[in-house]
């Protein structure tokens, strides 16, 4: 069983409008949490992560 990833900012985002409530200084942390989540998910399910990681960088 997997341990819960520590993603406090990502956990607050449910809809796109939630992103607008974040301070610009928090966006690098959010991007890091997204990368961590993507890598963790792909490591368990398989598949490709290049496109998803590219979107995080945008």
Protein backbone atom coordinates (compact mmCIF):
# COMPACT_ATOMS: atom_id res chain seq x y z
CA UNK A 1 0.00 0.00 0.00
CA UNK A 2 1.27 3.46 -0.90
CA UNK A 3 1.91 6.21 1.57
CA UNK A 4 -0.08 9.38 0.94
CA UNK A 5 1.99 11.93 -0.93
CA UNK A 6 2.42 15.30 0.77
CA UNK A 7 0.68 17.66 -1.67
CA UNK A 8 -1.01 20.38 0.40
CA UNK A 9 -1.52 22.86 -2.45
CA UNK A 10 -2.60 20.27 -4.99
CA UNK A 11 -5.12 18.91 -2.49
CA UNK A 12 -6.83 22.33 -2.46
CA UNK A 13 -7.37 22.37 -6.23
CA UNK A 14 -10.65 20.75 -7.31
CA UNK A 15 -11.68 22.96 -10.23
CA UNK A 16 -9.68 25.32 -12.49
CA UNK A 17 -11.03 28.36 -10.63
CA UNK A 18 -9.20 27.13 -7.51
CA UNK A 19 -5.90 27.86 -9.26
CA UNK A 20 -6.78 31.55 -9.38
CA UNK A 21 -6.97 31.68 -5.59
CA UNK A 22 -3.31 30.71 -5.23
CA UNK A 23 -0.63 33.33 -4.79
CA UNK A 24 1.87 33.52 -7.67
CA UNK A 25 4.67 32.66 -5.22
CA UNK A 26 2.94 29.31 -4.53
CA UNK A 27 2.93 28.20 -8.18
CA UNK A 28 6.46 26.66 -8.18
CA UNK A 29 5.43 24.50 -5.20
CA UNK A 30 2.21 23.52 -6.97
CA UNK A 31 4.18 22.54 -10.08
CA UNK A 32 6.52 20.44 -7.94
CA UNK A 33 3.55 18.69 -6.32
CA UNK A 34 2.03 18.01 -9.75
CA UNK A 35 5.30 16.50 -10.98
CA UNK A 36 5.50 14.29 -7.90
CA UNK A 37 1.90 13.14 -8.32
CA UNK A 38 2.36 12.39 -12.04
CA UNK A 39 5.55 10.41 -11.50
CA UNK A 40 3.98 8.45 -8.65
CA UNK A 41 0.86 7.64 -10.68
CA UNK A 42 2.80 6.51 -13.76
CA UNK A 43 5.18 4.42 -11.64
CA UNK A 44 2.17 2.41 -10.41
CA UNK A 45 0.05 2.23 -13.54
CA UNK A 46 2.62 2.42 -16.31
CA UNK A 47 2.34 4.60 -19.35
CA UNK A 48 3.93 7.78 -20.58
CA UNK A 49 4.52 10.89 -18.57
CA UNK A 50 6.39 13.18 -20.98
CA UNK A 51 3.32 15.05 -22.20
CA UNK A 52 1.96 15.48 -18.68
CA UNK A 53 5.26 16.80 -17.38
CA UNK A 54 5.44 19.17 -20.35
CA UNK A 55 2.04 20.60 -19.45
CA UNK A 56 3.18 21.19 -15.87
CA UNK A 57 6.07 23.26 -17.22
CA UNK A 58 3.71 25.41 -19.28
